[in-house]
Amino acid sequence: MLFRLSYIVALSLIILSLSVAAYTIDTNSDENGNSYLTNQDGRTLYYFTNDPSGKSTCFGNCCETWPPFYADWIDLPPILNRADFSYLSRADGRYQTTYKGKPLYFYSSDKSRGERYGDGKQGLWFVARP
């Protein structure tokens, strides 16, 4: 009886842990209630208006400030559509995740969950919004 109870408790904990797995891409809300995309750690994702659809134009020093985001497996909350996400092969040989054709980036000055210091930078970099 005790063994059976322990087995049921252990199995329940495993199922619970699987059901609360972190998404590789998620959303957060700003102070006005507007949603934006984040990675699994809550770091804000951005797009660059100079990037044509399906191509990244940020290389070299640009990548130091705006590191490309790539997730080899995409797990999304129900609010996001899997068909909106893909990836591209960059000219530097790396892969980069795209949202609606736009390559996604981090901003190097964002150090903590929810920071959005890159939004509007140079009038070219913006928070990716669903």
N, C-alpha and C. Protein backbone atom coordinates (compact mmCIF):
# COMPACT_ATOMS: atom_id res chain seq x y z
N MET A 1 0.82 -1.19 0.00
CA MET A 1 0.00 0.00 0.00
C MET A 1 0.88 1.26 0.00
N LEU A 2 1.89 1.33 0.87
CA LEU A 2 2.78 2.48 0.92
C LEU A 2 3.55 2.62 -0.39
N PHE A 3 4.00 1.49 -0.95
CA PHE A 3 4.72 1.52 -2.22
C PHE A 3 3.82 2.09 -3.32
N ARG A 4 2.58 1.64 -3.37
CA ARG A 4 1.63 2.09 -4.38
C ARG A 4 1.38 3.60 -4.25
N LEU A 5 1.24 4.08 -3.04
CA LEU A 5 1.01 5.51 -2.81
C LEU A 5 2.24 6.32 -3.25
N SER A 6 3.43 5.83 -2.92
CA SER A 6 4.66 6.52 -3.33
C SER A 6 4.77 6.56 -4.85
N TYR A 7 4.41 5.47 -5.48
CA TYR A 7 4.45 5.39 -6.94
C TYR A 7 3.48 6.41 -7.55
N ILE A 8 2.30 6.52 -7.03
CA ILE A 8 1.29 7.45 -7.54
C ILE A 8 1.75 8.89 -7.34
N VAL A 9 2.31 9.19 -6.19
CA VAL A 9 2.80 10.55 -5.93
C VAL A 9 3.95 10.89 -6.89
N ALA A 10 4.88 9.97 -7.08
CA ALA A 10 6.01 10.20 -7.98
C ALA A 10 5.52 10.41 -9.41
N LEU A 11 4.61 9.60 -9.86
CA LEU A 11 4.06 9.72 -11.20
C LEU A 11 3.33 11.06 -11.37
N SER A 12 2.60 11.47 -10.37
CA SER A 12 1.89 12.75 -10.42
C SER A 12 2.85 13.92 -10.52
N LEU A 13 3.96 13.87 -9.81
CA LEU A 13 4.95 14.93 -9.87
C LEU A 13 5.61 15.01 -11.24
N ILE A 14 5.85 13.87 -11.86
CA ILE A 14 6.43 13.85 -13.20
C ILE A 14 5.46 14.48 -14.20
N ILE A 15 4.21 14.12 -14.13
CA ILE A 15 3.21 14.68 -15.04
C ILE A 15 3.08 16.18 -14.82
N LEU A 16 3.07 16.63 -13.59
CA LEU A 16 2.97 18.04 -13.27
C LEU A 16 4.17 18.80 -13.83
N SER A 17 5.36 18.26 -13.71
CA SER A 17 6.55 18.95 -14.19
C SER A 17 6.54 19.06 -15.71
N LEU A 18 5.99 18.06 -16.39
CA LEU A 18 5.90 18.13 -17.84
C LEU A 18 4.88 19.17 -18.29
N SER A 19 3.85 19.37 -17.53
CA SER A 19 2.79 20.29 -17.93
C SER A 19 3.16 21.76 -17.70
N VAL A 20 4.20 22.05 -16.95
CA VAL A 20 4.60 23.43 -16.71
C VAL A 20 5.95 23.75 -17.35
N ALA A 21 6.29 23.01 -18.41
CA ALA A 21 7.55 23.24 -19.11
C ALA A 21 7.56 24.66 -19.69
N ALA A 22 8.73 25.27 -19.70
CA ALA A 22 8.86 26.63 -20.22
C ALA A 22 8.75 26.62 -21.74
N TYR A 23 8.13 27.65 -22.28
CA TYR A 23 8.07 27.82 -23.72
C TYR A 23 9.40 28.39 -24.20
N THR A 24 9.83 28.01 -25.42
CA THR A 24 11.07 28.58 -25.95
C THR A 24 10.84 30.01 -26.42
N ILE A 25 9.62 30.31 -26.84
CA ILE A 25 9.22 31.69 -27.15
C ILE A 25 7.91 31.93 -26.41
N ASP A 26 7.84 33.05 -25.73
CA ASP A 26 6.66 33.34 -24.91
C ASP A 26 6.29 34.81 -25.12
N THR A 27 5.33 35.28 -24.38
CA THR A 27 4.96 36.69 -24.43
C THR A 27 5.01 37.29 -23.03
N ASN A 28 5.19 38.58 -23.00
CA ASN A 28 5.12 39.35 -21.78
C ASN A 28 4.30 40.59 -22.11
N SER A 29 3.92 41.36 -21.13
CA SER A 29 3.15 42.58 -21.37
C SER A 29 3.88 43.78 -20.79
N ASP A 30 3.83 44.90 -21.52
CA ASP A 30 4.43 46.14 -21.02
C ASP A 30 3.45 46.84 -20.08
N GLU A 31 3.85 48.00 -19.60
CA GLU A 31 3.05 48.73 -18.61
C GLU A 31 1.68 49.17 -19.15
N ASN A 32 1.51 49.17 -20.48
CA ASN A 32 0.23 49.53 -21.09
C ASN A 32 -0.61 48.30 -21.46
N GLY A 33 -0.10 47.11 -21.12
CA GLY A 33 -0.82 45.89 -21.44
C GLY A 33 -0.57 45.36 -22.83
N ASN A 34 0.37 45.95 -23.57
CA ASN A 34 0.69 45.48 -24.91
C ASN A 34 1.65 44.29 -24.84
N SER A 35 1.34 43.24 -25.55
CA SER A 35 2.17 42.03 -25.54
C SER A 35 3.40 42.19 -26.43
N TYR A 36 4.47 41.49 -26.05
CA TYR A 36 5.67 41.42 -26.87
C TYR A 36 6.30 40.05 -26.68
N LEU A 37 7.17 39.66 -27.62
CA LEU A 37 7.79 38.34 -27.60
C LEU A 37 9.02 38.33 -26.70
N THR A 38 9.21 37.20 -26.03
CA THR A 38 10.39 36.97 -25.20
C THR A 38 10.91 35.56 -25.46
N ASN A 39 12.12 35.30 -25.00
CA ASN A 39 12.60 33.92 -25.01
C ASN A 39 12.15 33.24 -23.72
N GLN A 40 12.59 32.02 -23.50
CA GLN A 40 12.15 31.24 -22.34
C GLN A 40 12.58 31.85 -21.01
N ASP A 41 13.58 32.72 -21.04
CA ASP A 41 14.05 33.37 -19.82
C ASP A 41 13.43 34.75 -19.61
N GLY A 42 12.50 35.14 -20.48
CA GLY A 42 11.85 36.43 -20.36
C GLY A 42 12.60 37.58 -20.99
N ARG A 43 13.69 37.28 -21.73
CA ARG A 43 14.44 38.34 -22.41
C ARG A 43 13.69 38.76 -23.68
N THR A 44 13.58 40.04 -23.87
CA THR A 44 12.83 40.63 -24.97
C THR A 44 13.47 40.31 -26.32
N LEU A 45 12.60 40.04 -27.31
CA LEU A 45 13.04 39.79 -28.68
C LEU A 45 12.68 40.99 -29.55
N TYR A 46 13.60 41.33 -30.46
CA TYR A 46 13.47 42.51 -31.31
C TYR A 46 13.56 42.12 -32.79
N TYR A 47 13.12 43.06 -33.64
CA TYR A 47 13.35 42.94 -35.08
C TYR A 47 14.01 44.24 -35.56
N PHE A 48 14.67 44.13 -36.71
CA PHE A 48 15.41 45.23 -37.31
C PHE A 48 14.69 45.63 -38.60
N THR A 49 14.26 46.88 -38.70
CA THR A 49 13.46 47.28 -39.87
C THR A 49 14.24 47.22 -41.18
N ASN A 50 15.57 47.25 -41.12
CA ASN A 50 16.38 47.16 -42.34
C ASN A 50 16.49 45.74 -42.88
N ASP A 51 16.07 44.74 -42.10
CA ASP A 51 16.12 43.36 -42.58
C ASP A 51 14.96 43.11 -43.55
N PRO A 52 15.27 42.69 -44.78
CA PRO A 52 14.17 42.27 -45.64
C PRO A 52 13.62 40.94 -45.13
N SER A 53 12.41 40.61 -45.49
CA SER A 53 11.79 39.37 -45.02
C SER A 53 12.67 38.17 -45.36
N GLY A 54 12.96 37.36 -44.34
CA GLY A 54 13.73 36.14 -44.54
C GLY A 54 15.23 36.31 -44.65
N LYS A 55 15.76 37.49 -44.32
CA LYS A 55 17.20 37.72 -44.44
C LYS A 55 17.67 38.65 -43.33
N SER A 56 18.83 38.34 -42.76
CA SER A 56 19.44 39.19 -41.74
C SER A 56 20.52 40.05 -42.37
N THR A 57 20.55 41.32 -42.00
CA THR A 57 21.59 42.23 -42.48
C THR A 57 22.48 42.72 -41.35
N CYS A 58 22.33 42.12 -40.16
CA CYS A 58 23.11 42.51 -38.99
C CYS A 58 24.26 41.52 -38.81
N PHE A 59 25.50 42.00 -39.05
CA PHE A 59 26.69 41.17 -38.93
C PHE A 59 27.79 41.93 -38.21
N GLY A 60 28.87 41.24 -37.85
CA GLY A 60 30.03 41.88 -37.23
C GLY A 60 29.69 42.61 -35.95
N ASN A 61 30.06 43.89 -35.88
CA ASN A 61 29.81 44.69 -34.67
C ASN A 61 28.33 44.78 -34.33
N CYS A 62 27.49 44.77 -35.34
CA CYS A 62 26.05 44.83 -35.11
C CYS A 62 25.61 43.66 -34.24
N CYS A 63 26.17 42.48 -34.49
CA CYS A 63 25.79 41.28 -33.71
C CYS A 63 26.28 41.32 -32.26
N GLU A 64 27.26 42.16 -31.99
CA GLU A 64 27.69 42.31 -30.61
C GLU A 64 26.64 43.07 -29.81
N THR A 65 26.03 44.06 -30.43
CA THR A 65 24.97 44.83 -29.78
C THR A 65 23.63 44.14 -29.89
N TRP A 66 23.38 43.48 -31.01
CA TRP A 66 22.10 42.82 -31.30
C TRP A 66 22.35 41.35 -31.63
N PRO A 67 22.62 40.53 -30.62
CA PRO A 67 22.87 39.11 -30.88
C PRO A 67 21.64 38.42 -31.50
N PRO A 68 21.86 37.63 -32.55
CA PRO A 68 20.75 36.90 -33.15
C PRO A 68 20.16 35.89 -32.18
N PHE A 69 18.86 35.71 -32.24
CA PHE A 69 18.16 34.71 -31.43
C PHE A 69 17.90 33.48 -32.29
N TYR A 70 18.20 32.31 -31.73
CA TYR A 70 17.88 31.05 -32.41
C TYR A 70 17.45 30.02 -31.38
N ALA A 71 16.33 29.37 -31.67
CA ALA A 71 15.85 28.24 -30.88
C ALA A 71 15.67 27.08 -31.84
N ASP A 72 16.39 25.98 -31.61
CA ASP A 72 16.27 24.85 -32.54
C ASP A 72 14.96 24.10 -32.36
N TRP A 73 14.29 24.31 -31.25
CA TRP A 73 12.98 23.74 -31.02
C TRP A 73 12.07 24.86 -30.54
N ILE A 74 10.93 25.00 -31.19
CA ILE A 74 10.01 26.09 -30.83
C ILE A 74 8.80 25.49 -30.12
N ASP A 75 8.60 25.90 -28.89
CA ASP A 75 7.43 25.52 -28.09
C ASP A 75 6.75 26.83 -27.71
N LEU A 76 5.47 26.93 -28.06
CA LEU A 76 4.76 28.21 -27.94
C LEU A 76 3.54 28.11 -27.05
N PRO A 77 3.17 29.21 -26.40
CA PRO A 77 1.89 29.26 -25.70
C PRO A 77 0.77 29.33 -26.75
N PRO A 78 -0.45 29.00 -26.37
CA PRO A 78 -1.57 28.98 -27.33
C PRO A 78 -1.84 30.31 -28.02
N ILE A 79 -1.44 31.43 -27.43
CA ILE A 79 -1.69 32.74 -28.04
C ILE A 79 -0.88 32.96 -29.32
N LEU A 80 0.22 32.21 -29.48
CA LEU A 80 1.08 32.36 -30.65
C LEU A 80 0.83 31.24 -31.65
N ASN A 81 1.03 31.54 -32.93
CA ASN A 81 0.79 30.59 -34.01
C ASN A 81 2.12 30.03 -34.53
N ARG A 82 2.27 28.72 -34.52
CA ARG A 82 3.50 28.07 -34.95
C ARG A 82 3.87 28.44 -36.39
N ALA A 83 2.86 28.66 -37.23
CA ALA A 83 3.12 28.99 -38.64
C ALA A 83 3.81 30.35 -38.81
N ASP A 84 3.78 31.20 -37.79
CA ASP A 84 4.43 32.51 -37.86
C ASP A 84 5.93 32.44 -37.62
N PHE A 85 6.43 31.28 -37.16
CA PHE A 85 7.84 31.14 -36.81
C PHE A 85 8.55 30.21 -37.78
N SER A 86 9.78 30.57 -38.09
CA SER A 86 10.62 29.74 -38.92
C SER A 86 12.08 30.06 -38.55
N TYR A 87 13.00 29.76 -39.44
CA TYR A 87 14.39 30.12 -39.20
C TYR A 87 15.04 30.38 -40.55
N LEU A 88 16.17 31.04 -40.50
CA LEU A 88 16.95 31.28 -41.71
C LEU A 88 18.39 30.90 -41.46
N SER A 89 19.10 30.68 -42.52
CA SER A 89 20.53 30.42 -42.46
C SER A 89 21.22 31.73 -42.79
N ARG A 90 22.00 32.24 -41.84
CA ARG A 90 22.66 33.52 -41.99
C ARG A 90 23.92 33.38 -42.85
N ALA A 91 24.37 34.49 -43.41
CA ALA A 91 25.58 34.49 -44.23
C ALA A 91 26.82 34.09 -43.41
N ASP A 92 26.76 34.26 -42.07
CA ASP A 92 27.90 33.88 -41.23
C ASP A 92 27.84 32.41 -40.82
N GLY A 93 26.88 31.65 -41.37
CA GLY A 93 26.79 30.22 -41.12
C GLY A 93 25.92 29.82 -39.95
N ARG A 94 25.44 30.79 -39.17
CA ARG A 94 24.57 30.48 -38.03
C ARG A 94 23.11 30.50 -38.47
N TYR A 95 22.26 29.94 -37.62
CA TYR A 95 20.82 29.99 -37.85
C TYR A 95 20.21 31.09 -37.00
N GLN A 96 19.05 31.56 -37.43
CA GLN A 96 18.35 32.60 -36.69
C GLN A 96 16.85 32.37 -36.81
N THR A 97 16.15 32.46 -35.68
CA THR A 97 14.70 32.30 -35.68
C THR A 97 14.05 33.55 -36.26
N THR A 98 12.98 33.34 -37.03
CA THR A 98 12.23 34.45 -37.61
C THR A 98 10.79 34.42 -37.11
N TYR A 99 10.18 35.59 -37.08
CA TYR A 99 8.77 35.75 -36.73
C TYR A 99 8.12 36.53 -37.86
N LYS A 100 7.17 35.91 -38.53
CA LYS A 100 6.51 36.52 -39.70
C LYS A 100 7.55 37.02 -40.70
N GLY A 101 8.60 36.23 -40.87
CA GLY A 101 9.65 36.53 -41.84
C GLY A 101 10.77 37.41 -41.34
N LYS A 102 10.58 38.07 -40.19
CA LYS A 102 11.60 38.98 -39.67
C LYS A 102 12.53 38.25 -38.70
N PRO A 103 13.85 38.34 -38.92
CA PRO A 103 14.80 37.75 -37.98
C PRO A 103 14.66 38.37 -36.58
N LEU A 104 14.83 37.56 -35.56
CA LEU A 104 14.70 38.02 -34.17
C LEU A 104 16.07 38.17 -33.52
N TYR A 105 16.18 39.19 -32.65
CA TYR A 105 17.42 39.53 -31.97
C TYR A 105 17.17 39.82 -30.50
N PHE A 106 18.25 39.74 -29.72
CA PHE A 106 18.28 40.28 -28.37
C PHE A 106 18.93 41.66 -28.46
N TYR A 107 18.83 42.43 -27.40
CA TYR A 107 19.59 43.67 -27.27
C TYR A 107 20.56 43.47 -26.12
N SER A 108 21.84 43.72 -26.36
CA SER A 108 22.87 43.39 -25.37
C SER A 108 22.75 44.18 -24.07
N SER A 109 22.12 45.34 -24.09
CA SER A 109 21.96 46.12 -22.86
C SER A 109 20.78 45.65 -22.00
N ASP A 110 19.92 44.80 -22.54
CA ASP A 110 18.86 44.18 -21.74
C ASP A 110 19.49 43.06 -20.94
N LYS A 111 19.55 43.22 -19.65
CA LYS A 111 20.23 42.22 -18.81
C LYS A 111 19.24 41.36 -18.03
N SER A 112 18.03 41.83 -17.83
CA SER A 112 17.07 41.12 -16.98
C SER A 112 15.75 40.92 -17.71
N ARG A 113 14.99 40.01 -17.16
CA ARG A 113 13.65 39.69 -17.66
C ARG A 113 12.82 40.98 -17.79
N GLY A 114 12.20 41.15 -18.95
CA GLY A 114 11.28 42.26 -19.15
C GLY A 114 11.89 43.58 -19.56
N GLU A 115 13.22 43.69 -19.58
CA GLU A 115 13.83 44.94 -20.01
C GLU A 115 13.63 45.11 -21.52
N ARG A 116 13.38 46.36 -21.94
CA ARG A 116 13.11 46.67 -23.35
C ARG A 116 13.86 47.94 -23.77
N TYR A 117 15.11 48.02 -23.38
CA TYR A 117 15.90 49.22 -23.65
C TYR A 117 16.19 49.42 -25.14
N GLY A 118 16.06 48.37 -25.94
CA GLY A 118 16.36 48.50 -27.37
C GLY A 118 15.20 48.98 -28.20
N ASP A 119 14.01 49.07 -27.61
CA ASP A 119 12.83 49.45 -28.38
C ASP A 119 12.95 50.87 -28.92
N GLY A 120 12.92 51.00 -30.24
CA GLY A 120 13.01 52.31 -30.89
C GLY A 120 14.42 52.80 -31.12
N LYS A 121 15.44 52.01 -30.79
CA LYS A 121 16.83 52.44 -30.98
C LYS A 121 17.07 52.81 -32.43
N GLN A 122 17.65 53.98 -32.63
CA GLN A 122 18.01 54.53 -33.93
C GLN A 122 16.81 54.57 -34.89
N GLY A 123 15.61 54.42 -34.35
CA GLY A 123 14.42 54.39 -35.19
C GLY A 123 14.35 53.17 -36.10
N LEU A 124 15.17 52.15 -35.77
CA LEU A 124 15.28 50.96 -36.64
C LEU A 124 15.01 49.64 -35.92
N TRP A 125 15.14 49.64 -34.61
CA TRP A 125 15.01 48.41 -33.83
C TRP A 125 13.76 48.49 -32.95
N PHE A 126 12.94 47.45 -33.01
CA PHE A 126 11.68 47.48 -32.27
C PHE A 126 11.37 46.14 -31.63
N VAL A 127 10.67 46.20 -30.52
CA VAL A 127 10.20 45.00 -29.84
C VAL A 127 9.29 44.23 -30.80
N ALA A 128 9.48 42.92 -30.86
CA ALA A 128 8.62 42.07 -31.70
C ALA A 128 7.31 41.84 -30.95
N ARG A 129 6.21 42.15 -31.61
CA ARG A 129 4.89 42.03 -30.98
C ARG A 129 4.02 41.05 -31.75
N PRO A 130 3.26 40.24 -31.01
CA PRO A 130 2.35 39.29 -31.70
C PRO A 130 1.16 40.02 -32.32
